[in-house]
Amino acid sequence: MTPSGTCYRLVVAGRLSHLLVDTIDARFGAAASIRPSGSDTAVQLVADQPSLRALLTLLWDVGHEVVAVTACTAGPERNESRSR
């Protein structure tokens, strides 16, 4: 997926599993950035609303609590050391 659209920042309670990080990377590619944020995980996504909904559904399906979803002003910074 090519990064284009609105920037969204999601805060997810706890850490994401290796498998989930790999799944997000496979589905959203450079449009998503994942990194630790205290004891939680921050996910930035530059995409349209259907893609945001797909990410939210994925997180809910695997049992993660989404703490916050906000619009952000900058695109995601690609994090080479992905949170695992």
PDB file of N, CA and C in Angstrom:
ATOM      1  N   MET A   1       0.841  -1.167   0.000  1.00  0.00           N
ATOM      2  CA  MET A   1       0.000   0.000   0.000  1.00  0.00           C
ATOM      3  C   MET A   1       0.887   1.231   0.000  1.00  0.00           C
ATOM      4  N   THR A   2       0.627   2.158  -0.868  1.00  0.00           N
ATOM      5  CA  THR A   2       1.367   3.408  -0.928  1.00  0.00           C
ATOM      6  C   THR A   2       0.797   4.382   0.080  1.00  0.00           C
ATOM      7  N   PRO A   3       1.670   5.045   0.896  1.00  0.00           N
ATOM      8  CA  PRO A   3       1.161   5.981   1.871  1.00  0.00           C
ATOM      9  C   PRO A   3       0.453   7.163   1.210  1.00  0.00           C
ATOM     10  N   SER A   4      -0.846   7.253   1.354  1.00  0.00           N
ATOM     11  CA  SER A   4      -1.623   8.398   0.914  1.00  0.00           C
ATOM     12  C   SER A   4      -2.925   8.387   1.684  1.00  0.00           C
ATOM     13  N   GLY A   5      -3.455   9.559   1.940  1.00  0.00           N
ATOM     14  CA  GLY A   5      -4.683   9.648   2.703  1.00  0.00           C
ATOM     15  C   GLY A   5      -4.470  10.432   3.975  1.00  0.00           C
ATOM     16  N   THR A   6      -5.316  10.188   4.951  1.00  0.00           N
ATOM     17  CA  THR A   6      -5.258  10.863   6.246  1.00  0.00           C
ATOM     18  C   THR A   6      -4.324  10.109   7.176  1.00  0.00           C
ATOM     19  N   CYS A   7      -3.657  10.851   8.039  1.00  0.00           N
ATOM     20  CA  CYS A   7      -2.790  10.229   9.040  1.00  0.00           C
ATOM     21  C   CYS A   7      -3.606   9.975  10.307  1.00  0.00           C
ATOM     22  N   TYR A   8      -3.567   8.744  10.802  1.00  0.00           N
ATOM     23  CA  TYR A   8      -4.245   8.358  12.032  1.00  0.00           C
ATOM     24  C   TYR A   8      -3.219   7.814  13.012  1.00  0.00           C
ATOM     25  N   ARG A   9      -3.386   8.141  14.299  1.00  0.00           N
ATOM     26  CA  ARG A   9      -2.535   7.588  15.354  1.00  0.00           C
ATOM     27  C   ARG A   9      -3.415   6.785  16.290  1.00  0.00           C
ATOM     28  N   LEU A  10      -3.082   5.511  16.443  1.00  0.00           N
ATOM     29  CA  LEU A  10      -3.810   4.623  17.340  1.00  0.00           C
ATOM     30  C   LEU A  10      -2.902   4.277  18.503  1.00  0.00           C
ATOM     31  N   VAL A  11      -3.463   4.255  19.692  1.00  0.00           N
ATOM     32  CA  VAL A  11      -2.742   3.770  20.861  1.00  0.00           C
ATOM     33  C   VAL A  11      -3.420   2.471  21.272  1.00  0.00           C
ATOM     34  N   VAL A  12      -2.611   1.422  21.344  1.00  0.00           N
ATOM     35  CA  VAL A  12      -3.105   0.082  21.659  1.00  0.00           C
ATOM     36  C   VAL A  12      -2.518  -0.333  23.002  1.00  0.00           C
ATOM     37  N   ALA A  13      -3.358  -0.845  23.894  1.00  0.00           N
ATOM     38  CA  ALA A  13      -2.885  -1.287  25.204  1.00  0.00           C
ATOM     39  C   ALA A  13      -1.907  -2.449  25.048  1.00  0.00           C
ATOM     40  N   GLY A  14      -0.784  -2.344  25.726  1.00  0.00           N
ATOM     41  CA  GLY A  14       0.208  -3.417  25.717  1.00  0.00           C
ATOM     42  C   GLY A  14       1.044  -3.452  24.440  1.00  0.00           C
ATOM     43  N   ARG A  15       1.731  -4.553  24.259  1.00  0.00           N
ATOM     44  CA  ARG A  15       2.595  -4.766  23.093  1.00  0.00           C
ATOM     45  C   ARG A  15       1.893  -5.659  22.074  1.00  0.00           C
ATOM     46  N   LEU A  16       2.294  -5.516  20.827  1.00  0.00           N
ATOM     47  CA  LEU A  16       1.754  -6.353  19.759  1.00  0.00           C
ATOM     48  C   LEU A  16       2.662  -7.558  19.554  1.00  0.00           C
ATOM     49  N   SER A  17       2.079  -8.688  19.238  1.00  0.00           N
ATOM     50  CA  SER A  17       2.860  -9.904  18.996  1.00  0.00           C
ATOM     51  C   SER A  17       3.643  -9.772  17.690  1.00  0.00           C
ATOM     52  N   HIS A  18       4.666 -10.619  17.544  1.00  0.00           N
ATOM     53  CA  HIS A  18       5.454 -10.656  16.309  1.00  0.00           C
ATOM     54  C   HIS A  18       4.557 -10.932  15.111  1.00  0.00           C
ATOM     55  N   LEU A  19       3.658 -11.886  15.269  1.00  0.00           N
ATOM     56  CA  LEU A  19       2.769 -12.273  14.180  1.00  0.00           C
ATOM     57  C   LEU A  19       1.863 -11.108  13.768  1.00  0.00           C
ATOM     58  N   LEU A  20       1.334 -10.376  14.740  1.00  0.00           N
ATOM     59  CA  LEU A  20       0.466  -9.250  14.422  1.00  0.00           C
ATOM     60  C   LEU A  20       1.248  -8.127  13.743  1.00  0.00           C
ATOM     61  N   VAL A  21       2.447  -7.837  14.205  1.00  0.00           N
ATOM     62  CA  VAL A  21       3.280  -6.817  13.566  1.00  0.00           C
ATOM     63  C   VAL A  21       3.558  -7.214  12.118  1.00  0.00           C
ATOM     64  N   ASP A  22       3.878  -8.483  11.893  1.00  0.00           N
ATOM     65  CA  ASP A  22       4.128  -8.968  10.536  1.00  0.00           C
ATOM     66  C   ASP A  22       2.877  -8.863   9.661  1.00  0.00           C
ATOM     67  N   THR A  23       1.713  -9.151  10.243  1.00  0.00           N
ATOM     68  CA  THR A  23       0.454  -9.068   9.499  1.00  0.00           C
ATOM     69  C   THR A  23       0.149  -7.626   9.118  1.00  0.00           C
ATOM     70  N   ILE A  24       0.330  -6.698  10.064  1.00  0.00           N
ATOM     71  CA  ILE A  24       0.111  -5.274   9.769  1.00  0.00           C
ATOM     72  C   ILE A  24       1.068  -4.812   8.682  1.00  0.00           C
ATOM     73  N   ASP A  25       2.330  -5.225   8.784  1.00  0.00           N
ATOM     74  CA  ASP A  25       3.325  -4.844   7.774  1.00  0.00           C
ATOM     75  C   ASP A  25       2.948  -5.390   6.397  1.00  0.00           C
ATOM     76  N   ALA A  26       2.473  -6.633   6.355  1.00  0.00           N
ATOM     77  CA  ALA A  26       2.084  -7.237   5.077  1.00  0.00           C
ATOM     78  C   ALA A  26       0.872  -6.547   4.465  1.00  0.00           C
ATOM     79  N   ARG A  27      -0.074  -6.176   5.299  1.00  0.00           N
ATOM     80  CA  ARG A  27      -1.311  -5.561   4.787  1.00  0.00           C
ATOM     81  C   ARG A  27      -1.167  -4.081   4.463  1.00  0.00           C
ATOM     82  N   PHE A  28      -0.374  -3.354   5.243  1.00  0.00           N
ATOM     83  CA  PHE A  28      -0.325  -1.902   5.099  1.00  0.00           C
ATOM     84  C   PHE A  28       1.035  -1.367   4.655  1.00  0.00           C
ATOM     85  N   GLY A  29       2.089  -2.176   4.733  1.00  0.00           N
ATOM     86  CA  GLY A  29       3.411  -1.785   4.260  1.00  0.00           C
ATOM     87  C   GLY A  29       3.890  -0.460   4.831  1.00  0.00           C
ATOM     88  N   ALA A  30       4.398   0.394   3.959  1.00  0.00           N
ATOM     89  CA  ALA A  30       4.971   1.680   4.371  1.00  0.00           C
ATOM     90  C   ALA A  30       3.933   2.659   4.908  1.00  0.00           C
ATOM     91  N   ALA A  31       2.659   2.350   4.757  1.00  0.00           N
ATOM     92  CA  ALA A  31       1.606   3.237   5.263  1.00  0.00           C
ATOM     93  C   ALA A  31       1.471   3.146   6.778  1.00  0.00           C
ATOM     94  N   ALA A  32       2.056   2.128   7.410  1.00  0.00           N
ATOM     95  CA  ALA A  32       1.932   1.937   8.853  1.00  0.00           C
ATOM     96  C   ALA A  32       3.294   1.972   9.534  1.00  0.00           C
ATOM     97  N   SER A  33       3.314   2.560  10.716  1.00  0.00           N
ATOM     98  CA  SER A  33       4.509   2.608  11.547  1.00  0.00           C
ATOM     99  C   SER A  33       4.106   2.179  12.950  1.00  0.00           C
ATOM    100  N   ILE A  34       4.874   1.268  13.542  1.00  0.00           N
ATOM    101  CA  ILE A  34       4.554   0.728  14.862  1.00  0.00           C
ATOM    102  C   ILE A  34       5.743   0.946  15.778  1.00  0.00           C
ATOM    103  N   ARG A  35       5.460   1.503  16.986  1.00  0.00           N
ATOM    104  CA  ARG A  35       6.544   1.653  17.952  1.00  0.00           C
ATOM    105  C   ARG A  35       5.992   1.714  19.370  1.00  0.00           C
ATOM    106  N   PRO A  36       6.838   1.355  20.349  1.00  0.00           N
ATOM    107  CA  PRO A  36       6.404   1.406  21.741  1.00  0.00           C
ATOM    108  C   PRO A  36       6.062   2.834  22.161  1.00  0.00           C
ATOM    109  N   SER A  37       5.103   2.960  23.070  1.00  0.00           N
ATOM    110  CA  SER A  37       4.716   4.249  23.644  1.00  0.00           C
ATOM    111  C   SER A  37       4.437   4.000  25.120  1.00  0.00           C
ATOM    112  N   GLY A  38       5.482   4.044  25.942  1.00  0.00           N
ATOM    113  CA  GLY A  38       5.340   3.655  27.346  1.00  0.00           C
ATOM    114  C   GLY A  38       5.050   2.170  27.426  1.00  0.00           C
ATOM    115  N   SER A  39       4.015   1.793  28.160  1.00  0.00           N
ATOM    116  CA  SER A  39       3.656   0.378  28.255  1.00  0.00           C
ATOM    117  C   SER A  39       2.704  -0.032  27.134  1.00  0.00           C
ATOM    118  N   ASP A  40       2.336   0.920  26.291  1.00  0.00           N
ATOM    119  CA  ASP A  40       1.426   0.667  25.177  1.00  0.00           C
ATOM    120  C   ASP A  40       2.183   0.663  23.853  1.00  0.00           C
ATOM    121  N   THR A  41       1.445   0.563  22.752  1.00  0.00           N
ATOM    122  CA  THR A  41       2.024   0.592  21.422  1.00  0.00           C
ATOM    123  C   THR A  41       1.312   1.651  20.601  1.00  0.00           C
ATOM    124  N   ALA A  42       2.090   2.483  19.916  1.00  0.00           N
ATOM    125  CA  ALA A  42       1.526   3.489  19.017  1.00  0.00           C
ATOM    126  C   ALA A  42       1.621   2.975  17.586  1.00  0.00           C
ATOM    127  N   VAL A  43       0.532   3.125  16.864  1.00  0.00           N
ATOM    128  CA  VAL A  43       0.495   2.737  15.460  1.00  0.00           C
ATOM    129  C   VAL A  43       0.052   3.957  14.672  1.00  0.00           C
ATOM    130  N   GLN A  44       0.872   4.395  13.715  1.00  0.00           N
ATOM    131  CA  GLN A  44       0.481   5.471  12.827  1.00  0.00           C
ATOM    132  C   GLN A  44       0.182   4.876  11.469  1.00  0.00           C
ATOM    133  N   LEU A  45      -0.899   5.346  10.866  1.00  0.00           N
ATOM    134  CA  LEU A  45      -1.349   4.821   9.591  1.00  0.00           C
ATOM    135  C   LEU A  45      -1.751   5.984   8.697  1.00  0.00           C
ATOM    136  N   VAL A  46      -1.219   6.029   7.486  1.00  0.00           N
ATOM    137  CA  VAL A  46      -1.645   7.007   6.493  1.00  0.00           C
ATOM    138  C   VAL A  46      -2.478   6.241   5.483  1.00  0.00           C
ATOM    139  N   ALA A  47      -3.798   6.485   5.535  1.00  0.00           N
ATOM    140  CA  ALA A  47      -4.698   5.690   4.710  1.00  0.00           C
ATOM    141  C   ALA A  47      -6.079   6.319   4.675  1.00  0.00           C
ATOM    142  N   ASP A  48      -6.969   5.688   3.915  1.00  0.00           N
ATOM    143  CA  ASP A  48      -8.361   6.122   3.880  1.00  0.00           C
ATOM    144  C   ASP A  48      -9.123   5.462   5.031  1.00  0.00           C
ATOM    145  N   GLN A  49     -10.388   5.870   5.225  1.00  0.00           N
ATOM    146  CA  GLN A  49     -11.171   5.346   6.339  1.00  0.00           C
ATOM    147  C   GLN A  49     -11.434   3.833   6.257  1.00  0.00           C
ATOM    148  N   PRO A  50     -11.675   3.265   5.078  1.00  0.00           N
ATOM    149  CA  PRO A  50     -11.836   1.805   5.037  1.00  0.00           C
ATOM    150  C   PRO A  50     -10.583   1.059   5.523  1.00  0.00           C
ATOM    151  N   SER A  51      -9.414   1.592   5.227  1.00  0.00           N
ATOM    152  CA  SER A  51      -8.175   0.960   5.705  1.00  0.00           C
ATOM    153  C   SER A  51      -8.047   1.099   7.214  1.00  0.00           C
ATOM    154  N   LEU A  52      -8.428   2.266   7.748  1.00  0.00           N
ATOM    155  CA  LEU A  52      -8.428   2.445   9.203  1.00  0.00           C
ATOM    156  C   LEU A  52      -9.361   1.426   9.847  1.00  0.00           C
ATOM    157  N   ARG A  53     -10.534   1.269   9.291  1.00  0.00           N
ATOM    158  CA  ARG A  53     -11.488   0.293   9.840  1.00  0.00           C
ATOM    159  C   ARG A  53     -10.922  -1.123   9.773  1.00  0.00           C
ATOM    160  N   ALA A  54     -10.236  -1.455   8.689  1.00  0.00           N
ATOM    161  CA  ALA A  54      -9.626  -2.788   8.564  1.00  0.00           C
ATOM    162  C   ALA A  54      -8.592  -3.011   9.665  1.00  0.00           C
ATOM    163  N   LEU A  55      -7.785  -1.990   9.953  1.00  0.00           N
ATOM    164  CA  LEU A  55      -6.784  -2.110  11.020  1.00  0.00           C
ATOM    165  C   LEU A  55      -7.465  -2.238  12.380  1.00  0.00           C
ATOM    166  N   LEU A  56      -8.483  -1.425  12.634  1.00  0.00           N
ATOM    167  CA  LEU A  56      -9.218  -1.529  13.899  1.00  0.00           C
ATOM    168  C   LEU A  56      -9.843  -2.913  14.061  1.00  0.00           C
ATOM    169  N   THR A  57     -10.439  -3.423  13.010  1.00  0.00           N
ATOM    170  CA  THR A  57     -11.052  -4.758  13.059  1.00  0.00           C
ATOM    171  C   THR A  57     -10.001  -5.823  13.352  1.00  0.00           C
ATOM    172  N   LEU A  58      -8.849  -5.726  12.706  1.00  0.00           N
ATOM    173  CA  LEU A  58      -7.765  -6.674  12.950  1.00  0.00           C
ATOM    174  C   LEU A  58      -7.346  -6.640  14.420  1.00  0.00           C
ATOM    175  N   LEU A  59      -7.152  -5.448  14.964  1.00  0.00           N
ATOM    176  CA  LEU A  59      -6.746  -5.321  16.367  1.00  0.00           C
ATOM    177  C   LEU A  59      -7.802  -5.890  17.304  1.00  0.00           C
ATOM    178  N   TRP A  60      -9.069  -5.588  17.043  1.00  0.00           N
ATOM    179  CA  TRP A  60     -10.142  -6.111  17.885  1.00  0.00           C
ATOM    180  C   TRP A  60     -10.257  -7.624  17.750  1.00  0.00           C
ATOM    181  N   ASP A  61     -10.106  -8.153  16.531  1.00  0.00           N
ATOM    182  CA  ASP A  61     -10.231  -9.595  16.299  1.00  0.00           C
ATOM    183  C   ASP A  61      -9.191 -10.406  17.077  1.00  0.00           C
ATOM    184  N   VAL A  62      -8.017  -9.825  17.283  1.00  0.00           N
ATOM    185  CA  VAL A  62      -6.978 -10.548  18.025  1.00  0.00           C
ATOM    186  C   VAL A  62      -6.977 -10.180  19.506  1.00  0.00           C
ATOM    187  N   GLY A  63      -7.961  -9.375  19.929  1.00  0.00           N
ATOM    188  CA  GLY A  63      -8.151  -9.129  21.349  1.00  0.00           C
ATOM    189  C   GLY A  63      -7.430  -7.940  21.941  1.00  0.00           C
ATOM    190  N   HIS A  64      -6.925  -7.029  21.124  1.00  0.00           N
ATOM    191  CA  HIS A  64      -6.242  -5.852  21.661  1.00  0.00           C
ATOM    192  C   HIS A  64      -7.232  -4.748  21.986  1.00  0.00           C
ATOM    193  N   GLU A  65      -6.956  -4.030  23.059  1.00  0.00           N
ATOM    194  CA  GLU A  65      -7.765  -2.880  23.437  1.00  0.00           C
ATOM    195  C   GLU A  65      -7.199  -1.639  22.759  1.00  0.00           C
ATOM    196  N   VAL A  66      -8.024  -0.974  21.967  1.00  0.00           N
ATOM    197  CA  VAL A  66      -7.630   0.273  21.329  1.00  0.00           C
ATOM    198  C   VAL A  66      -7.970   1.387  22.310  1.00  0.00           C
ATOM    199  N   VAL A  67      -6.953   2.072  22.818  1.00  0.00           N
ATOM    200  CA  VAL A  67      -7.115   3.094  23.842  1.00  0.00           C
ATOM    201  C   VAL A  67      -7.530   4.429  23.224  1.00  0.00           C
ATOM    202  N   ALA A  68      -6.971   4.765  22.065  1.00  0.00           N
ATOM    203  CA  ALA A  68      -7.270   6.057  21.440  1.00  0.00           C
ATOM    204  C   ALA A  68      -7.034   5.986  19.937  1.00  0.00           C
ATOM    205  N   VAL A  69      -7.827   6.761  19.206  1.00  0.00           N
ATOM    206  CA  VAL A  69      -7.632   6.960  17.768  1.00  0.00           C
ATOM    207  C   VAL A  69      -7.751   8.463  17.532  1.00  0.00           C
ATOM    208  N   THR A  70      -6.707   9.051  16.959  1.00  0.00           N
ATOM    209  CA  THR A  70      -6.720  10.483  16.668  1.00  0.00           C
ATOM    210  C   THR A  70      -6.151  10.729  15.278  1.00  0.00           C
ATOM    211  N   ALA A  71      -6.535  11.843  14.695  1.00  0.00           N
ATOM    212  CA  ALA A  71      -5.920  12.263  13.432  1.00  0.00           C
ATOM    213  C   ALA A  71      -4.589  12.925  13.779  1.00  0.00           C
ATOM    214  N   CYS A  72      -3.583  12.703  12.972  1.00  0.00           N
ATOM    215  CA  CYS A  72      -2.282  13.323  13.208  1.00  0.00           C
ATOM    216  C   CYS A  72      -1.917  14.182  12.003  1.00  0.00           C
ATOM    217  N   THR A  73      -0.975  15.091  12.184  1.00  0.00           N
ATOM    218  CA  THR A  73      -0.644  16.042  11.132  1.00  0.00           C
ATOM    219  C   THR A  73       0.488  15.591  10.231  1.00  0.00           C
ATOM    220  N   ALA A  74       1.344  14.697  10.714  1.00  0.00           N
ATOM    221  CA  ALA A  74       2.487  14.242   9.914  1.00  0.00           C
ATOM    222  C   ALA A  74       2.323  12.785   9.556  1.00  0.00           C
ATOM    223  N   GLY A  75       2.948  12.373   8.463  1.00  0.00           N
ATOM    224  CA  GLY A  75       2.939  10.973   8.073  1.00  0.00           C
ATOM    225  C   GLY A  75       3.763  10.153   9.027  1.00  0.00           C
ATOM    226  N   PRO A  76       3.587   8.823   9.005  1.00  0.00           N
ATOM    227  CA  PRO A  76       4.334   7.979   9.927  1.00  0.00           C
ATOM    228  C   PRO A  76       5.818   7.960   9.597  1.00  0.00           C
ATOM    229  N   GLU A  77       6.611   7.872  10.640  1.00  0.00           N
ATOM    230  CA  GLU A  77       8.054   7.674  10.440  1.00  0.00           C
ATOM    231  C   GLU A  77       8.278   6.180  10.401  1.00  0.00           C
ATOM    232  N   ARG A  78       8.927   5.729   9.372  1.00  0.00           N
ATOM    233  CA  ARG A  78       9.167   4.295   9.216  1.00  0.00           C
ATOM    234  C   ARG A  78      10.152   3.866  10.279  1.00  0.00           C
ATOM    235  N   ASN A  79       9.770   2.943  11.132  1.00  0.00           N
ATOM    236  CA  ASN A  79      10.600   2.482  12.223  1.00  0.00           C
ATOM    237  C   ASN A  79      11.259   1.164  11.801  1.00  0.00           C
ATOM    238  N   GLU A  80      12.549   1.191  11.629  1.00  0.00           N
ATOM    239  CA  GLU A  80      13.267   0.002  11.167  1.00  0.00           C
ATOM    240  C   GLU A  80      13.303  -1.088  12.237  1.00  0.00           C
ATOM    241  N   SER A  81      13.323  -0.704  13.516  1.00  0.00           N
ATOM    242  CA  SER A  81      13.298  -1.700  14.578  1.00  0.00           C
ATOM    243  C   SER A  81      11.868  -1.817  15.077  1.00  0.00           C
ATOM    244  N   ARG A  82      11.066  -2.524  14.334  1.00  0.00           N
ATOM    245  CA  ARG A  82       9.634  -2.656  14.600  1.00  0.00           C
ATOM    246  C   ARG A  82       9.398  -3.210  16.000  1.00  0.00           C
ATOM    247  N   SER A  83       8.359  -2.713  16.672  1.00  0.00           N
ATOM    248  CA  SER A  83       7.982  -3.203  18.003  1.00  0.00           C
ATOM    249  C   SER A  83       7.511  -4.642  17.877  1.00  0.00           C
ATOM    250  N   ARG A  84       8.054  -5.518  18.681  1.00  0.00           N
ATOM    251  CA  ARG A  84       7.650  -6.923  18.613  1.00  0.00           C
ATOM    252  C   ARG A  84       7.435  -7.452  19.973  1.00  0.00           C
TER     253      ARG A  84
END
